[in-house]
Amino acid sequence: MSLKAATDIELTLELYRRMLVIRGVEDRIQALFLKGEVFGTTHLYSGQEAVAVGFASALEEGDRVACTYRGHGHMLALGLQPQALIAELLGRSTGVNGGRAGSMNMVDLDHGHVGCYGIVGGSIAAATGVALALRGSGKIAVAYFGDGTTNQAYFFECLNFAKVFELPLLFVCENNGYGEYTPMAAVTAGEIVARAQAMEIPTLIVDGMDVQATRAAALEVAATIRAGAGPVFVEARTYRFVGHSRSDPGRYRPEGELDTWRARDPLALAAAWLREQGEERRVSETEAAVEAELTAAESAALGAPFPEPREFSEFKA
């Protein structure tokens, strides 16, 4: 649905639906992995849905997005159909990349997604290059990355390059508090936004658990960049409810930390706001519709064929 003319209730209901889709897909991916159906590793996005959905809701046709290996949520937020994502992780021919990419290497140019990047910070370099190509077009590039990326050398190189050439680039740091298994505070000096401020890049800190807040921030900074003001840096403070990857039970978390963050589950916050507006029935209907959609998507993905073997020569340009 179009969000431009939507009322606050209609808007929030649609954002809630999109977050439900992401959470539901990730839950199914985890279950399928435990059954041995998923090929390769996975890095789930559960808990961070408000960031991907809020920022994607402010993007326009022609904008481009690069994200991390934790990219399922971003692709779904941009409009990729759940069946195409699930099928890709199952290695099926109906996947978004024909079942040949897997979790950390997917691309969906139809929705402006230029790739997931398994190399920490790879998304920043890709988005910087895209932003260079988008100069003067009124379109923007978005680089999503984690807090651990801010300790990589090319993080500074890309910020410097983007500022020197005033590129139409939105940097979104999804600070979930951990670089893999290590608390951010144990390896990162100072405030993350100070690193961008040192290069005179405008910065903003946003509550990454509140989808209404992330959308408002996204609209503000996207408009600034489209107007030719150069790059903007946003730190979205969020949290992942799952381990770093498929084999991580997350036992390094301090006791009670996960429960504290779960109390601010972005899905629960959005649903609570809608119920306060008297929309209990529509919340329940949306939840039921998403559940039915994802059940059908999973079934279709499981029933899809594996891709036929291809010769190397077929992949050459």
C-alpha atoms as a PDB file:
ATOM      1  CA  MET A   1       0.000   0.000   0.000  1.00  0.00           C
ATOM      2  CA  SER A   2       1.038   3.618  -0.514  1.00  0.00           C
ATOM      3  CA  LEU A   3       2.163   5.223   2.726  1.00  0.00           C
ATOM      4  CA  LYS A   4       2.130   8.855   1.577  1.00  0.00           C
ATOM      5  CA  ALA A   5      -1.579   9.459   2.100  1.00  0.00           C
ATOM      6  CA  ALA A   6      -2.078   6.976   4.938  1.00  0.00           C
ATOM      7  CA  THR A   7      -3.464   8.047   8.295  1.00  0.00           C
ATOM      8  CA  ASP A   8      -1.334   7.404  11.377  1.00  0.00           C
ATOM      9  CA  ILE A   9      -3.369   4.297  12.132  1.00  0.00           C
ATOM     10  CA  GLU A  10      -3.212   2.938   8.581  1.00  0.00           C
ATOM     11  CA  LEU A  11       0.492   3.717   8.412  1.00  0.00           C
ATOM     12  CA  THR A  12       1.343   2.026  11.694  1.00  0.00           C
ATOM     13  CA  LEU A  13      -0.798  -0.979  10.823  1.00  0.00           C
ATOM     14  CA  GLU A  14       1.131  -1.416   7.573  1.00  0.00           C
ATOM     15  CA  LEU A  15       4.490  -0.996   9.309  1.00  0.00           C
ATOM     16  CA  TYR A  16       3.374  -3.553  11.888  1.00  0.00           C
ATOM     17  CA  ARG A  17       2.404  -5.961   9.107  1.00  0.00           C
ATOM     18  CA  ARG A  18       5.820  -5.614   7.497  1.00  0.00           C
ATOM     19  CA  MET A  19       7.571  -6.297  10.808  1.00  0.00           C
ATOM     20  CA  LEU A  20       5.357  -9.330  11.374  1.00  0.00           C
ATOM     21  CA  VAL A  21       6.422 -10.694   7.995  1.00  0.00           C
ATOM     22  CA  ILE A  22      10.107 -10.334   8.876  1.00  0.00           C
ATOM     23  CA  ARG A  23       9.733 -11.933  12.312  1.00  0.00           C
ATOM     24  CA  GLY A  24       7.608 -14.734  10.923  1.00  0.00           C
ATOM     25  CA  VAL A  25      10.036 -15.507   8.114  1.00  0.00           C
ATOM     26  CA  GLU A  26      12.991 -15.556  10.499  1.00  0.00           C
ATOM     27  CA  ASP A  27      11.154 -17.893  12.874  1.00  0.00           C
ATOM     28  CA  ARG A  28      10.473 -20.252   9.979  1.00  0.00           C
ATOM     29  CA  ILE A  29      14.051 -20.065   8.726  1.00  0.00           C
ATOM     30  CA  GLN A  30      15.311 -21.066  12.159  1.00  0.00           C
ATOM     31  CA  ALA A  31      12.886 -23.993  12.339  1.00  0.00           C
ATOM     32  CA  LEU A  32      13.802 -25.124   8.825  1.00  0.00           C
ATOM     33  CA  PHE A  33      17.491 -24.894   9.653  1.00  0.00           C
ATOM     34  CA  LEU A  34      17.017 -27.162  12.670  1.00  0.00           C
ATOM     35  CA  LYS A  35      15.343 -29.662  10.322  1.00  0.00           C
ATOM     36  CA  GLY A  36      18.355 -29.579   8.006  1.00  0.00           C
ATOM     37  CA  GLU A  37      16.533 -27.813   5.170  1.00  0.00           C
ATOM     38  CA  VAL A  38      18.589 -24.602   5.040  1.00  0.00           C
ATOM     39  CA  PHE A  39      21.883 -24.572   3.156  1.00  0.00           C
ATOM     40  CA  GLY A  40      24.753 -22.618   4.660  1.00  0.00           C
ATOM     41  CA  THR A  41      24.700 -20.333   7.661  1.00  0.00           C
ATOM     42  CA  THR A  42      22.066 -17.785   8.653  1.00  0.00           C
ATOM     43  CA  HIS A  43      22.112 -14.562  10.656  1.00  0.00           C
ATOM     44  CA  LEU A  44      18.613 -13.735  11.826  1.00  0.00           C
ATOM     45  CA  TYR A  45      17.205 -10.215  12.121  1.00  0.00           C
ATOM     46  CA  SER A  46      14.708 -10.850  14.930  1.00  0.00           C
ATOM     47  CA  GLY A  47      14.473  -7.832  17.242  1.00  0.00           C
ATOM     48  CA  GLN A  48      15.781  -5.262  14.773  1.00  0.00           C
ATOM     49  CA  GLU A  49      12.723  -5.120  12.507  1.00  0.00           C
ATOM     50  CA  ALA A  50      11.848  -1.502  13.287  1.00  0.00           C
ATOM     51  CA  VAL A  51      15.088  -0.298  11.697  1.00  0.00           C
ATOM     52  CA  ALA A  52      14.678  -2.011   8.323  1.00  0.00           C
ATOM     53  CA  VAL A  53      10.957  -1.294   8.085  1.00  0.00           C
ATOM     54  CA  GLY A  54      11.130   2.298   9.273  1.00  0.00           C
ATOM     55  CA  PHE A  55      13.934   3.312   6.942  1.00  0.00           C
ATOM     56  CA  ALA A  56      12.683   1.343   3.942  1.00  0.00           C
ATOM     57  CA  SER A  57       9.321   3.093   4.263  1.00  0.00           C
ATOM     58  CA  ALA A  58      11.018   6.427   3.449  1.00  0.00           C
ATOM     59  CA  LEU A  59      12.761   5.207   0.293  1.00  0.00           C
ATOM     60  CA  GLU A  60      11.629   5.816  -3.271  1.00  0.00           C
ATOM     61  CA  GLU A  61      11.964   4.044  -6.590  1.00  0.00           C
ATOM     62  CA  GLY A  62      15.520   4.458  -7.809  1.00  0.00           C
ATOM     63  CA  ASP A  63      17.074   4.546  -4.348  1.00  0.00           C
ATOM     64  CA  ARG A  64      19.595   1.808  -3.634  1.00  0.00           C
ATOM     65  CA  VAL A  65      20.358  -0.211  -0.495  1.00  0.00           C
ATOM     66  CA  ALA A  66      23.332  -2.308   0.620  1.00  0.00           C
ATOM     67  CA  CYS A  67      23.132  -4.329   3.817  1.00  0.00           C
ATOM     68  CA  THR A  68      25.038  -6.835   5.922  1.00  0.00           C
ATOM     69  CA  TYR A  69      24.973 -10.605   6.174  1.00  0.00           C
ATOM     70  CA  ARG A  70      21.980 -10.044   8.492  1.00  0.00           C
ATOM     71  CA  GLY A  71      20.006  -8.928   5.472  1.00  0.00           C
ATOM     72  CA  HIS A  72      16.772 -10.931   5.360  1.00  0.00           C
ATOM     73  CA  GLY A  73      14.820  -8.196   7.118  1.00  0.00           C
ATOM     74  CA  HIS A  74      16.049  -5.462   4.799  1.00  0.00           C
ATOM     75  CA  MET A  75      15.119  -7.389   1.676  1.00  0.00           C
ATOM     76  CA  LEU A  76      11.632  -8.127   2.956  1.00  0.00           C
ATOM     77  CA  ALA A  77      11.190  -4.511   4.067  1.00  0.00           C
ATOM     78  CA  LEU A  78      12.047  -3.382   0.544  1.00  0.00           C
ATOM     79  CA  GLY A  79       9.324  -5.571  -0.921  1.00  0.00           C
ATOM     80  CA  LEU A  80      10.829  -8.983  -1.660  1.00  0.00           C
ATOM     81  CA  GLN A  81       8.173 -11.683  -1.403  1.00  0.00           C
ATOM     82  CA  PRO A  82       8.657 -14.131   1.498  1.00  0.00           C
ATOM     83  CA  GLN A  83       8.447 -17.167  -0.762  1.00  0.00           C
ATOM     84  CA  ALA A  84      11.369 -15.923  -2.866  1.00  0.00           C
ATOM     85  CA  LEU A  85      13.528 -15.382   0.211  1.00  0.00           C
ATOM     86  CA  ILE A  86      12.661 -18.680   1.909  1.00  0.00           C
ATOM     87  CA  ALA A  87      13.188 -20.588  -1.340  1.00  0.00           C
ATOM     88  CA  GLU A  88      16.609 -19.000  -1.784  1.00  0.00           C
ATOM     89  CA  LEU A  89      17.729 -20.192   1.640  1.00  0.00           C
ATOM     90  CA  LEU A  90      16.413 -23.651   0.827  1.00  0.00           C
ATOM     91  CA  GLY A  91      18.451 -23.658  -2.380  1.00  0.00           C
ATOM     92  CA  ARG A  92      15.362 -23.858  -4.601  1.00  0.00           C
ATOM     93  CA  SER A  93      15.049 -22.556  -8.149  1.00  0.00           C
ATOM     94  CA  THR A  94      12.219 -20.174  -7.219  1.00  0.00           C
ATOM     95  CA  GLY A  95      14.514 -18.264  -4.851  1.00  0.00           C
ATOM     96  CA  VAL A  96      15.315 -14.632  -5.520  1.00  0.00           C
ATOM     97  CA  ASN A  97      18.670 -15.680  -7.007  1.00  0.00           C
ATOM     98  CA  GLY A  98      17.600 -19.050  -8.311  1.00  0.00           C
ATOM     99  CA  GLY A  99      18.684 -20.892  -5.197  1.00  0.00           C
ATOM    100  CA  ARG A 100      22.363 -20.246  -5.875  1.00  0.00           C
ATOM    101  CA  ALA A 101      23.186 -17.347  -3.536  1.00  0.00           C
ATOM    102  CA  GLY A 102      22.238 -18.309   0.002  1.00  0.00           C
ATOM    103  CA  SER A 103      21.771 -16.083   3.009  1.00  0.00           C
ATOM    104  CA  MET A 104      24.804 -13.783   2.864  1.00  0.00           C
ATOM    105  CA  ASN A 105      25.019 -13.181  -0.882  1.00  0.00           C
ATOM    106  CA  MET A 106      21.510 -12.327  -2.025  1.00  0.00           C
ATOM    107  CA  VAL A 107      20.756  -9.482  -4.438  1.00  0.00           C
ATOM    108  CA  ASP A 108      17.359  -8.073  -5.450  1.00  0.00           C
ATOM    109  CA  LEU A 109      17.827  -5.271  -7.960  1.00  0.00           C
ATOM    110  CA  ASP A 110      14.090  -5.187  -8.697  1.00  0.00           C
ATOM    111  CA  HIS A 111      13.597  -3.635  -5.251  1.00  0.00           C
ATOM    112  CA  GLY A 112      16.780  -1.561  -5.208  1.00  0.00           C
ATOM    113  CA  HIS A 113      18.815  -4.002  -3.129  1.00  0.00           C
ATOM    114  CA  VAL A 114      22.409  -4.213  -4.361  1.00  0.00           C
ATOM    115  CA  GLY A 115      23.492  -6.971  -2.050  1.00  0.00           C
ATOM    116  CA  CYS A 116      24.074  -8.578   1.318  1.00  0.00           C
ATOM    117  CA  TYR A 117      27.751  -8.571   2.287  1.00  0.00           C
ATOM    118  CA  GLY A 118      29.427 -11.270   4.355  1.00  0.00           C
ATOM    119  CA  ILE A 119      32.532  -9.149   4.836  1.00  0.00           C
ATOM    120  CA  VAL A 120      32.063  -6.843   7.826  1.00  0.00           C
ATOM    121  CA  GLY A 121      31.527  -3.352   6.453  1.00  0.00           C
ATOM    122  CA  GLY A 122      31.320  -4.456   2.828  1.00  0.00           C
ATOM    123  CA  SER A 123      27.952  -2.759   2.558  1.00  0.00           C
ATOM    124  CA  ILE A 124      29.524   0.652   3.204  1.00  0.00           C
ATOM    125  CA  ALA A 125      31.960   0.377   0.314  1.00  0.00           C
ATOM    126  CA  ALA A 126      29.222  -0.848  -2.034  1.00  0.00           C
ATOM    127  CA  ALA A 127      26.815   1.930  -1.057  1.00  0.00           C
ATOM    128  CA  THR A 128      29.551   4.560  -1.399  1.00  0.00           C
ATOM    129  CA  GLY A 129      30.156   3.465  -4.967  1.00  0.00           C
ATOM    130  CA  VAL A 130      26.433   3.502  -5.709  1.00  0.00           C
ATOM    131  CA  ALA A 131      26.092   6.970  -4.178  1.00  0.00           C
ATOM    132  CA  LEU A 132      28.850   8.199  -6.468  1.00  0.00           C
ATOM    133  CA  ALA A 133      26.798   7.027  -9.438  1.00  0.00           C
ATOM    134  CA  LEU A 134      23.605   8.621  -8.056  1.00  0.00           C
ATOM    135  CA  ARG A 135      24.993  12.145  -7.673  1.00  0.00           C
ATOM    136  CA  GLY A 136      22.627  14.728  -9.150  1.00  0.00           C
ATOM    137  CA  SER A 137      19.788  12.243  -9.660  1.00  0.00           C
ATOM    138  CA  GLY A 138      17.731  13.079  -6.571  1.00  0.00           C
ATOM    139  CA  LYS A 139      18.103   9.464  -5.491  1.00  0.00           C
ATOM    140  CA  ILE A 140      19.972   8.203  -2.450  1.00  0.00           C
ATOM    141  CA  ALA A 141      22.036   5.193  -1.431  1.00  0.00           C
ATOM    142  CA  VAL A 142      21.707   3.584   1.990  1.00  0.00           C
ATOM    143  CA  ALA A 143      24.426   1.622   3.773  1.00  0.00           C
ATOM    144  CA  TYR A 144      23.298  -0.561   6.684  1.00  0.00           C
ATOM    145  CA  PHE A 145      26.011  -1.889   8.967  1.00  0.00           C
ATOM    146  CA  GLY A 146      26.579  -2.980  12.564  1.00  0.00           C
ATOM    147  CA  ASP A 147      28.434  -1.292  15.408  1.00  0.00           C
ATOM    148  CA  GLY A 148      31.433  -3.579  14.860  1.00  0.00           C
ATOM    149  CA  THR A 149      31.952  -2.071  11.424  1.00  0.00           C
ATOM    150  CA  THR A 150      32.850   1.281  12.947  1.00  0.00           C
ATOM    151  CA  ASN A 151      36.215  -0.193  13.971  1.00  0.00           C
ATOM    152  CA  GLN A 152      37.119  -1.156  10.403  1.00  0.00           C
ATOM    153  CA  ALA A 153      39.573   0.976   8.460  1.00  0.00           C
ATOM    154  CA  TYR A 154      37.424   1.419   5.381  1.00  0.00           C
ATOM    155  CA  PHE A 155      34.585   2.681   7.554  1.00  0.00           C
ATOM    156  CA  PHE A 156      36.634   5.855   7.942  1.00  0.00           C
ATOM    157  CA  GLU A 157      37.745   5.821   4.313  1.00  0.00           C
ATOM    158  CA  CYS A 158      34.173   5.654   3.039  1.00  0.00           C
ATOM    159  CA  LEU A 159      32.897   8.339   5.418  1.00  0.00           C
ATOM    160  CA  ASN A 160      35.747  10.597   4.371  1.00  0.00           C
ATOM    161  CA  PHE A 161      35.138   9.974   0.662  1.00  0.00           C
ATOM    162  CA  ALA A 162      31.379  10.503   1.028  1.00  0.00           C
ATOM    163  CA  LYS A 163      31.884  13.815   2.788  1.00  0.00           C
ATOM    164  CA  VAL A 164      34.597  15.138   0.482  1.00  0.00           C
ATOM    165  CA  PHE A 165      32.372  14.538  -2.538  1.00  0.00           C
ATOM    166  CA  GLU A 166      29.097  15.307  -0.710  1.00  0.00           C
ATOM    167  CA  LEU A 167      27.560  12.030  -1.847  1.00  0.00           C
ATOM    168  CA  PRO A 168      23.815  11.308  -1.469  1.00  0.00           C
ATOM    169  CA  LEU A 169      24.508   8.596   1.085  1.00  0.00           C
ATOM    170  CA  LEU A 170      22.668   7.614   4.249  1.00  0.00           C
ATOM    171  CA  PHE A 171      24.798   5.684   6.714  1.00  0.00           C
ATOM    172  CA  VAL A 172      22.648   3.618   9.112  1.00  0.00           C
ATOM    173  CA  CYS A 173      24.553   1.981  11.958  1.00  0.00           C
ATOM    174  CA  GLU A 174      22.405  -0.727  13.539  1.00  0.00           C
ATOM    175  CA  ASN A 175      23.957  -0.706  16.986  1.00  0.00           C
ATOM    176  CA  ASN A 176      22.691  -3.897  18.607  1.00  0.00           C
ATOM    177  CA  GLY A 177      25.326  -3.766  21.319  1.00  0.00           C
ATOM    178  CA  TYR A 178      27.450  -6.655  20.106  1.00  0.00           C
ATOM    179  CA  GLY A 179      30.095  -7.292  17.485  1.00  0.00           C
ATOM    180  CA  GLU A 180      29.407 -10.988  17.044  1.00  0.00           C
ATOM    181  CA  TYR A 181      29.959 -12.190  20.641  1.00  0.00           C
ATOM    182  CA  THR A 182      31.753  -9.161  22.063  1.00  0.00           C
ATOM    183  CA  PRO A 183      30.002  -6.250  23.820  1.00  0.00           C
ATOM    184  CA  MET A 184      30.472  -3.045  21.877  1.00  0.00           C
ATOM    185  CA  ALA A 185      31.717  -1.151  24.930  1.00  0.00           C
ATOM    186  CA  ALA A 186      34.593  -3.617  25.344  1.00  0.00           C
ATOM    187  CA  VAL A 187      36.124  -2.810  21.961  1.00  0.00           C
ATOM    188  CA  THR A 188      34.829   0.604  20.904  1.00  0.00           C
ATOM    189  CA  ALA A 189      36.138   3.878  22.324  1.00  0.00           C
ATOM    190  CA  GLY A 190      33.841   6.869  22.622  1.00  0.00           C
ATOM    191  CA  GLU A 191      30.521   7.464  20.938  1.00  0.00           C
ATOM    192  CA  ILE A 192      29.924   6.014  17.488  1.00  0.00           C
ATOM    193  CA  VAL A 193      28.341   9.201  16.135  1.00  0.00           C
ATOM    194  CA  ALA A 194      31.437  11.184  17.171  1.00  0.00           C
ATOM    195  CA  ARG A 195      33.354   9.403  14.413  1.00  0.00           C
ATOM    196  CA  ALA A 196      31.065  10.862  11.780  1.00  0.00           C
ATOM    197  CA  GLN A 197      30.916  14.233  13.508  1.00  0.00           C
ATOM    198  CA  ALA A 198      34.716  14.476  13.298  1.00  0.00           C
ATOM    199  CA  MET A 199      34.263  14.560   9.515  1.00  0.00           C
ATOM    200  CA  GLU A 200      31.503  17.151   9.799  1.00  0.00           C
ATOM    201  CA  ILE A 201      28.830  14.695   8.714  1.00  0.00           C
ATOM    202  CA  PRO A 202      25.423  15.443  10.311  1.00  0.00           C
ATOM    203  CA  THR A 203      24.376  12.754  12.782  1.00  0.00           C
ATOM    204  CA  LEU A 204      21.233  11.506  14.479  1.00  0.00           C
ATOM    205  CA  ILE A 205      20.578   8.893  17.174  1.00  0.00           C
ATOM    206  CA  VAL A 206      17.224   7.114  16.983  1.00  0.00           C
ATOM    207  CA  ASP A 207      15.365   4.518  19.056  1.00  0.00           C
ATOM    208  CA  GLY A 208      15.731   1.477  16.838  1.00  0.00           C
ATOM    209  CA  MET A 209      12.999  -0.427  18.663  1.00  0.00           C
ATOM    210  CA  ASP A 210      10.277   2.101  17.762  1.00  0.00           C
ATOM    211  CA  VAL A 211       9.145   1.855  14.129  1.00  0.00           C
ATOM    212  CA  GLN A 212       7.313   5.180  14.271  1.00  0.00           C
ATOM    213  CA  ALA A 213      10.514   6.861  15.454  1.00  0.00           C
ATOM    214  CA  THR A 214      12.686   5.204  12.805  1.00  0.00           C
ATOM    215  CA  ARG A 215      10.290   6.188  10.019  1.00  0.00           C
ATOM    216  CA  ALA A 216      10.177   9.791  11.227  1.00  0.00           C
ATOM    217  CA  ALA A 217      13.972   9.915  11.339  1.00  0.00           C
ATOM    218  CA  ALA A 218      14.240   8.301   7.917  1.00  0.00           C
ATOM    219  CA  LEU A 219      11.882  10.812   6.315  1.00  0.00           C
ATOM    220  CA  GLU A 220      13.842  13.694   7.827  1.00  0.00           C
ATOM    221  CA  VAL A 221      17.313  12.579   6.793  1.00  0.00           C
ATOM    222  CA  ALA A 222      16.263  11.287   3.373  1.00  0.00           C
ATOM    223  CA  ALA A 223      14.754  14.675   2.537  1.00  0.00           C
ATOM    224  CA  THR A 224      17.962  16.375   3.652  1.00  0.00           C
ATOM    225  CA  ILE A 225      20.105  14.159   1.441  1.00  0.00           C
ATOM    226  CA  ARG A 226      17.799  14.479  -1.582  1.00  0.00           C
ATOM    227  CA  ALA A 227      18.091  18.243  -1.265  1.00  0.00           C
ATOM    228  CA  GLY A 228      21.821  17.964  -1.916  1.00  0.00           C
ATOM    229  CA  ALA A 229      23.171  18.332   1.619  1.00  0.00           C
ATOM    230  CA  GLY A 230      25.546  15.391   1.319  1.00  0.00           C
ATOM    231  CA  PRO A 231      25.807  12.324   3.577  1.00  0.00           C
ATOM    232  CA  VAL A 232      24.022  11.832   6.892  1.00  0.00           C
ATOM    233  CA  PHE A 233      24.904   9.334   9.627  1.00  0.00           C
ATOM    234  CA  VAL A 234      22.229   7.688  11.803  1.00  0.00           C
ATOM    235  CA  GLU A 235      22.850   5.426  14.783  1.00  0.00           C
ATOM    236  CA  ALA A 236      19.822   3.233  15.432  1.00  0.00           C
ATOM    237  CA  ARG A 237      20.052   1.707  18.886  1.00  0.00           C
ATOM    238  CA  THR A 238      18.501  -1.718  18.720  1.00  0.00           C
ATOM    239  CA  TYR A 239      18.991  -5.314  19.880  1.00  0.00           C
ATOM    240  CA  ARG A 240      18.959  -8.782  18.370  1.00  0.00           C
ATOM    241  CA  PHE A 241      16.847 -11.344  20.204  1.00  0.00           C
ATOM    242  CA  VAL A 242      18.827 -14.263  18.793  1.00  0.00           C
ATOM    243  CA  GLY A 243      22.483 -15.255  18.727  1.00  0.00           C
ATOM    244  CA  HIS A 244      24.955 -13.889  16.235  1.00  0.00           C
ATOM    245  CA  SER A 245      24.425 -16.827  13.878  1.00  0.00           C
ATOM    246  CA  ARG A 246      22.819 -20.234  13.724  1.00  0.00           C
ATOM    247  CA  SER A 247      25.233 -21.863  16.178  1.00  0.00           C
ATOM    248  CA  ASP A 248      25.281 -19.119  18.826  1.00  0.00           C
ATOM    249  CA  PRO A 249      23.038 -19.613  21.902  1.00  0.00           C
ATOM    250  CA  GLY A 250      23.981 -16.157  23.202  1.00  0.00           C
ATOM    251  CA  ARG A 251      25.224 -17.303  26.602  1.00  0.00           C
ATOM    252  CA  TYR A 252      27.595 -14.338  26.813  1.00  0.00           C
ATOM    253  CA  ARG A 253      24.690 -11.976  27.519  1.00  0.00           C
ATOM    254  CA  PRO A 254      24.406 -10.715  31.101  1.00  0.00           C
ATOM    255  CA  GLU A 255      21.530 -12.257  33.031  1.00  0.00           C
ATOM    256  CA  GLY A 256      18.296 -10.363  32.445  1.00  0.00           C
ATOM    257  CA  GLU A 257      19.567  -8.290  29.510  1.00  0.00           C
ATOM    258  CA  LEU A 258      17.531 -10.130  26.884  1.00  0.00           C
ATOM    259  CA  ASP A 259      14.367  -9.856  28.990  1.00  0.00           C
ATOM    260  CA  THR A 260      14.899  -6.122  29.388  1.00  0.00           C
ATOM    261  CA  TRP A 261      15.123  -5.629  25.646  1.00  0.00           C
ATOM    262  CA  ARG A 262      12.244  -8.000  24.916  1.00  0.00           C
ATOM    263  CA  ALA A 263      10.067  -5.685  26.979  1.00  0.00           C
ATOM    264  CA  ARG A 264      10.639  -3.203  24.144  1.00  0.00           C
ATOM    265  CA  ASP A 265      10.008  -5.637  21.300  1.00  0.00           C
ATOM    266  CA  PRO A 266       9.301  -3.424  18.243  1.00  0.00           C
ATOM    267  CA  LEU A 267       6.340  -5.591  17.258  1.00  0.00           C
ATOM    268  CA  ALA A 268       4.832  -5.392  20.734  1.00  0.00           C
ATOM    269  CA  LEU A 269       5.310  -1.614  20.872  1.00  0.00           C
ATOM    270  CA  ALA A 270       3.549  -1.094  17.550  1.00  0.00           C
ATOM    271  CA  ALA A 271       0.712  -3.465  18.459  1.00  0.00           C
ATOM    272  CA  ALA A 272       0.249  -1.766  21.826  1.00  0.00           C
ATOM    273  CA  TRP A 273      -0.037   1.646  20.154  1.00  0.00           C
ATOM    274  CA  LEU A 274      -2.623   0.318  17.718  1.00  0.00           C
ATOM    275  CA  ARG A 275      -4.655  -1.243  20.513  1.00  0.00           C
ATOM    276  CA  GLU A 276      -4.607   2.065  22.364  1.00  0.00           C
ATOM    277  CA  GLN A 277      -6.258   3.544  19.271  1.00  0.00           C
ATOM    278  CA  GLY A 278      -9.014   0.936  19.479  1.00  0.00           C
ATOM    279  CA  GLU A 279      -7.678  -1.263  16.667  1.00  0.00           C
ATOM    280  CA  GLU A 280      -7.613  -4.619  18.468  1.00  0.00           C
ATOM    281  CA  ARG A 281      -9.668  -6.314  15.768  1.00  0.00           C
ATOM    282  CA  ARG A 282      -7.485  -5.103  12.915  1.00  0.00           C
ATOM    283  CA  VAL A 283      -4.316  -6.097  14.785  1.00  0.00           C
ATOM    284  CA  SER A 284      -5.664  -9.641  15.151  1.00  0.00           C
ATOM    285  CA  GLU A 285      -6.763  -9.747  11.513  1.00  0.00           C
ATOM    286  CA  THR A 286      -3.346  -8.580  10.358  1.00  0.00           C
ATOM    287  CA  GLU A 287      -1.592 -11.204  12.461  1.00  0.00           C
ATOM    288  CA  ALA A 288      -3.843 -13.948  11.076  1.00  0.00           C
ATOM    289  CA  ALA A 289      -3.346 -12.777   7.484  1.00  0.00           C
ATOM    290  CA  VAL A 290       0.442 -12.720   7.827  1.00  0.00           C
ATOM    291  CA  GLU A 291       0.456 -16.173   9.405  1.00  0.00           C
ATOM    292  CA  ALA A 292      -1.570 -17.567   6.510  1.00  0.00           C
ATOM    293  CA  GLU A 293       0.643 -15.805   3.950  1.00  0.00           C
ATOM    294  CA  LEU A 294       3.832 -17.179   5.452  1.00  0.00           C
ATOM    295  CA  THR A 295       2.465 -20.695   5.844  1.00  0.00           C
ATOM    296  CA  ALA A 296       1.642 -20.695   2.134  1.00  0.00           C
ATOM    297  CA  ALA A 297       5.034 -19.197   1.260  1.00  0.00           C
ATOM    298  CA  GLU A 298       6.910 -21.838   3.251  1.00  0.00           C
ATOM    299  CA  SER A 299       4.894 -24.628   1.673  1.00  0.00           C
ATOM    300  CA  ALA A 300       5.524 -23.274  -1.821  1.00  0.00           C
ATOM    301  CA  ALA A 301       9.254 -22.908  -1.146  1.00  0.00           C
ATOM    302  CA  LEU A 302       9.532 -26.460   0.187  1.00  0.00           C
ATOM    303  CA  GLY A 303       7.678 -27.757  -2.855  1.00  0.00           C
ATOM    304  CA  ALA A 304       9.844 -25.931  -5.363  1.00  0.00           C
ATOM    305  CA  PRO A 305      12.490 -27.818  -7.363  1.00  0.00           C
ATOM    306  CA  PHE A 306      16.234 -27.506  -6.914  1.00  0.00           C
ATOM    307  CA  PRO A 307      18.035 -25.683  -9.720  1.00  0.00           C
ATOM    308  CA  GLU A 308      19.447 -27.703 -12.581  1.00  0.00           C
ATOM    309  CA  PRO A 309      23.242 -27.990 -12.749  1.00  0.00           C
ATOM    310  CA  ARG A 310      24.839 -25.429 -15.062  1.00  0.00           C
ATOM    311  CA  GLU A 311      28.168 -25.269 -16.832  1.00  0.00           C
ATOM    312  CA  PHE A 312      30.595 -22.513 -15.862  1.00  0.00           C
ATOM    313  CA  SER A 313      30.402 -21.099 -19.389  1.00  0.00           C
ATOM    314  CA  GLU A 314      26.696 -20.342 -18.876  1.00  0.00           C
ATOM    315  CA  PHE A 315      27.509 -17.834 -16.130  1.00  0.00           C
ATOM    316  CA  LYS A 316      29.916 -15.807 -18.261  1.00  0.00           C
ATOM    317  CA  ALA A 317      28.721 -12.474 -19.656  1.00  0.00           C
END
